[in-house]
């Protein structure tokens, strides 16, 4: 029996969910929200896959697979002139809504506190550490 898929934690939703060439494109590719998050964390924030895995609450090998899938889809969009839609996936949105992954972060803890076990491994889905408490 296959193991159930683990929800991937994402820190923010994309500002735009559809991109298309001016000529309308030649088909459409759908990128999941966890694929979008891996691109955001690794390519935009320049995090290593280990750090990305901690923030998304999955294994590094899972991040590697998610990231490879996302990069393949981006290549198809650019090379084949397809439209891109971002939606879906087994994700849970971080309650801090973008506040847990600042643009500059020197620790592994999403809320900025060193070794915050509540952030790295929440007890249950959506149970993230609150900096105020």
C-alpha atoms as a PDB file:
ATOM      1  CA  UNK A   1       0.000   0.000   0.000  1.00  0.00           C
ATOM      2  CA  UNK A   2       1.341   3.424  -0.946  1.00  0.00           C
ATOM      3  CA  UNK A   3       2.177   5.910   1.759  1.00  0.00           C
ATOM      4  CA  UNK A   4      -0.223   8.887   1.902  1.00  0.00           C
ATOM      5  CA  UNK A   5       1.081  12.173   0.498  1.00  0.00           C
ATOM      6  CA  UNK A   6       2.276  14.634   3.100  1.00  0.00           C
ATOM      7  CA  UNK A   7       0.957  18.190   2.914  1.00  0.00           C
ATOM      8  CA  UNK A   8       3.671  20.591   1.821  1.00  0.00           C
ATOM      9  CA  UNK A   9       3.833  23.879   3.713  1.00  0.00           C
ATOM     10  CA  UNK A  10       3.952  27.025   1.598  1.00  0.00           C
ATOM     11  CA  UNK A  11       4.558  30.513   2.946  1.00  0.00           C
ATOM     12  CA  UNK A  12       2.657  32.545   0.401  1.00  0.00           C
ATOM     13  CA  UNK A  13       0.366  32.250  -2.578  1.00  0.00           C
ATOM     14  CA  UNK A  14       1.529  33.547  -5.961  1.00  0.00           C
ATOM     15  CA  UNK A  15       0.595  37.143  -6.763  1.00  0.00           C
ATOM     16  CA  UNK A  16      -0.335  36.079 -10.285  1.00  0.00           C
ATOM     17  CA  UNK A  17      -1.618  32.630 -11.182  1.00  0.00           C
ATOM     18  CA  UNK A  18      -1.654  32.819 -14.990  1.00  0.00           C
ATOM     19  CA  UNK A  19       1.025  33.702 -17.509  1.00  0.00           C
ATOM     20  CA  UNK A  20       0.737  33.439 -21.265  1.00  0.00           C
ATOM     21  CA  UNK A  21       2.553  34.555 -24.400  1.00  0.00           C
ATOM     22  CA  UNK A  22       1.114  37.579 -26.179  1.00  0.00           C
ATOM     23  CA  UNK A  23       0.107  35.399 -29.121  1.00  0.00           C
ATOM     24  CA  UNK A  24      -2.041  33.209 -26.868  1.00  0.00           C
ATOM     25  CA  UNK A  25       0.340  30.297 -26.606  1.00  0.00           C
ATOM     26  CA  UNK A  26       0.261  26.711 -27.758  1.00  0.00           C
ATOM     27  CA  UNK A  27      -1.393  24.831 -24.930  1.00  0.00           C
ATOM     28  CA  UNK A  28      -1.254  25.190 -21.164  1.00  0.00           C
ATOM     29  CA  UNK A  29       0.915  23.825 -18.375  1.00  0.00           C
ATOM     30  CA  UNK A  30      -0.331  23.634 -14.776  1.00  0.00           C
ATOM     31  CA  UNK A  31       2.202  24.126 -12.000  1.00  0.00           C
ATOM     32  CA  UNK A  32       1.156  23.158  -8.474  1.00  0.00           C
ATOM     33  CA  UNK A  33       1.532  25.532  -5.543  1.00  0.00           C
ATOM     34  CA  UNK A  34       4.291  23.397  -3.999  1.00  0.00           C
ATOM     35  CA  UNK A  35       6.224  23.531  -7.275  1.00  0.00           C
ATOM     36  CA  UNK A  36       5.817  27.319  -7.269  1.00  0.00           C
ATOM     37  CA  UNK A  37       7.076  27.436  -3.653  1.00  0.00           C
ATOM     38  CA  UNK A  38      10.170  25.386  -4.511  1.00  0.00           C
ATOM     39  CA  UNK A  39      11.028  27.808  -7.334  1.00  0.00           C
ATOM     40  CA  UNK A  40      10.463  30.774  -5.009  1.00  0.00           C
ATOM     41  CA  UNK A  41      12.639  29.372  -2.239  1.00  0.00           C
ATOM     42  CA  UNK A  42      15.472  27.890  -4.308  1.00  0.00           C
ATOM     43  CA  UNK A  43      15.733  30.243  -7.305  1.00  0.00           C
ATOM     44  CA  UNK A  44      14.491  33.542  -5.864  1.00  0.00           C
ATOM     45  CA  UNK A  45      15.620  33.288  -2.231  1.00  0.00           C
ATOM     46  CA  UNK A  46      18.734  31.224  -3.133  1.00  0.00           C
ATOM     47  CA  UNK A  47      18.126  28.597  -0.456  1.00  0.00           C
ATOM     48  CA  UNK A  48      19.696  25.143  -0.559  1.00  0.00           C
ATOM     49  CA  UNK A  49      17.386  22.169  -1.001  1.00  0.00           C
ATOM     50  CA  UNK A  50      17.888  21.207   2.668  1.00  0.00           C
ATOM     51  CA  UNK A  51      16.636  24.616   3.822  1.00  0.00           C
ATOM     52  CA  UNK A  52      13.749  24.487   1.375  1.00  0.00           C
ATOM     53  CA  UNK A  53      12.791  21.044   2.696  1.00  0.00           C
ATOM     54  CA  UNK A  54      12.718  22.343   6.281  1.00  0.00           C
ATOM     55  CA  UNK A  55      10.489  25.244   5.321  1.00  0.00           C
ATOM     56  CA  UNK A  56       8.127  23.067   3.289  1.00  0.00           C
ATOM     57  CA  UNK A  57       8.127  20.349   5.966  1.00  0.00           C
ATOM     58  CA  UNK A  58       9.131  17.540   3.585  1.00  0.00           C
ATOM     59  CA  UNK A  59      12.230  15.448   2.864  1.00  0.00           C
ATOM     60  CA  UNK A  60      15.068  16.883   0.781  1.00  0.00           C
ATOM     61  CA  UNK A  61      14.517  14.185  -1.845  1.00  0.00           C
ATOM     62  CA  UNK A  62      10.875  15.277  -2.101  1.00  0.00           C
ATOM     63  CA  UNK A  63      11.954  18.901  -2.633  1.00  0.00           C
ATOM     64  CA  UNK A  64      14.390  17.723  -5.294  1.00  0.00           C
ATOM     65  CA  UNK A  65      11.576  15.950  -7.177  1.00  0.00           C
ATOM     66  CA  UNK A  66       9.178  18.892  -6.799  1.00  0.00           C
ATOM     67  CA  UNK A  67      11.845  21.337  -7.986  1.00  0.00           C
ATOM     68  CA  UNK A  68      12.801  19.215 -11.019  1.00  0.00           C
ATOM     69  CA  UNK A  69       9.150  18.997 -12.039  1.00  0.00           C
ATOM     70  CA  UNK A  70       8.725  22.771 -11.667  1.00  0.00           C
ATOM     71  CA  UNK A  71      11.858  23.545 -13.702  1.00  0.00           C
ATOM     72  CA  UNK A  72      10.724  21.175 -16.467  1.00  0.00           C
ATOM     73  CA  UNK A  73       7.361  22.936 -16.623  1.00  0.00           C
ATOM     74  CA  UNK A  74       9.019  26.375 -16.782  1.00  0.00           C
ATOM     75  CA  UNK A  75      11.228  25.146 -19.627  1.00  0.00           C
ATOM     76  CA  UNK A  76       8.156  23.911 -21.529  1.00  0.00           C
ATOM     77  CA  UNK A  77       6.473  27.286 -21.063  1.00  0.00           C
ATOM     78  CA  UNK A  78       9.500  29.170 -22.391  1.00  0.00           C
ATOM     79  CA  UNK A  79      10.635  26.817 -25.163  1.00  0.00           C
ATOM     80  CA  UNK A  80       7.269  25.566 -26.426  1.00  0.00           C
ATOM     81  CA  UNK A  81       5.364  28.846 -25.985  1.00  0.00           C
ATOM     82  CA  UNK A  82       2.747  27.425 -23.632  1.00  0.00           C
ATOM     83  CA  UNK A  83       0.670  29.284 -21.068  1.00  0.00           C
ATOM     84  CA  UNK A  84       1.288  28.687 -17.360  1.00  0.00           C
ATOM     85  CA  UNK A  85      -1.371  28.298 -14.697  1.00  0.00           C
ATOM     86  CA  UNK A  86      -0.443  27.940 -10.996  1.00  0.00           C
ATOM     87  CA  UNK A  87      -2.946  26.119  -8.801  1.00  0.00           C
ATOM     88  CA  UNK A  88      -3.637  23.052  -6.698  1.00  0.00           C
ATOM     89  CA  UNK A  89      -1.441  20.587  -4.913  1.00  0.00           C
ATOM     90  CA  UNK A  90      -1.368  19.050  -1.444  1.00  0.00           C
ATOM     91  CA  UNK A  91      -0.375  22.160   0.474  1.00  0.00           C
ATOM     92  CA  UNK A  92      -1.065  23.934   3.718  1.00  0.00           C
ATOM     93  CA  UNK A  93      -0.642  27.687   3.811  1.00  0.00           C
ATOM     94  CA  UNK A  94       1.509  28.951   6.652  1.00  0.00           C
ATOM     95  CA  UNK A  95      -0.602  30.927   9.109  1.00  0.00           C
ATOM     96  CA  UNK A  96       1.948  33.757   9.094  1.00  0.00           C
ATOM     97  CA  UNK A  97       1.122  34.374   5.387  1.00  0.00           C
ATOM     98  CA  UNK A  98       4.546  35.290   4.085  1.00  0.00           C
ATOM     99  CA  UNK A  99       5.870  36.518   7.416  1.00  0.00           C
ATOM    100  CA  UNK A 100       7.781  33.324   8.179  1.00  0.00           C
ATOM    101  CA  UNK A 101      10.120  33.502   5.204  1.00  0.00           C
ATOM    102  CA  UNK A 102      11.705  36.951   5.140  1.00  0.00           C
ATOM    103  CA  UNK A 103      13.760  37.882   2.094  1.00  0.00           C
ATOM    104  CA  UNK A 104      16.906  37.637   4.219  1.00  0.00           C
ATOM    105  CA  UNK A 105      16.978  34.788   6.731  1.00  0.00           C
ATOM    106  CA  UNK A 106      20.122  33.585   8.475  1.00  0.00           C
ATOM    107  CA  UNK A 107      18.578  30.668  10.366  1.00  0.00           C
ATOM    108  CA  UNK A 108      16.793  27.444   9.594  1.00  0.00           C
ATOM    109  CA  UNK A 109      13.784  28.570  11.592  1.00  0.00           C
ATOM    110  CA  UNK A 110      11.030  30.127   9.460  1.00  0.00           C
ATOM    111  CA  UNK A 111       9.946  32.496  12.224  1.00  0.00           C
ATOM    112  CA  UNK A 112      13.502  33.714  12.851  1.00  0.00           C
ATOM    113  CA  UNK A 113      14.173  31.962  16.160  1.00  0.00           C
ATOM    114  CA  UNK A 114      17.057  29.499  16.275  1.00  0.00           C
ATOM    115  CA  UNK A 115      16.117  25.833  16.576  1.00  0.00           C
ATOM    116  CA  UNK A 116      12.388  26.445  16.897  1.00  0.00           C
ATOM    117  CA  UNK A 117      11.079  22.876  16.823  1.00  0.00           C
ATOM    118  CA  UNK A 118       7.490  24.108  16.581  1.00  0.00           C
ATOM    119  CA  UNK A 119       8.299  25.717  13.227  1.00  0.00           C
ATOM    120  CA  UNK A 120      10.448  22.969  11.791  1.00  0.00           C
ATOM    121  CA  UNK A 121       8.157  20.072  12.735  1.00  0.00           C
ATOM    122  CA  UNK A 122       4.650  21.208  13.639  1.00  0.00           C
ATOM    123  CA  UNK A 123       2.712  18.830  15.905  1.00  0.00           C
ATOM    124  CA  UNK A 124      -0.250  18.930  13.556  1.00  0.00           C
ATOM    125  CA  UNK A 125      -1.042  20.631  10.271  1.00  0.00           C
ATOM    126  CA  UNK A 126      -1.393  24.389  10.720  1.00  0.00           C
ATOM    127  CA  UNK A 127       0.157  24.334  14.223  1.00  0.00           C
ATOM    128  CA  UNK A 128       3.002  26.779  13.621  1.00  0.00           C
ATOM    129  CA  UNK A 129       4.942  28.672  16.261  1.00  0.00           C
ATOM    130  CA  UNK A 130       3.688  32.186  17.022  1.00  0.00           C
ATOM    131  CA  UNK A 131       6.518  34.653  17.704  1.00  0.00           C
ATOM    132  CA  UNK A 132       4.316  36.596  20.132  1.00  0.00           C
ATOM    133  CA  UNK A 133       3.647  33.598  22.364  1.00  0.00           C
END
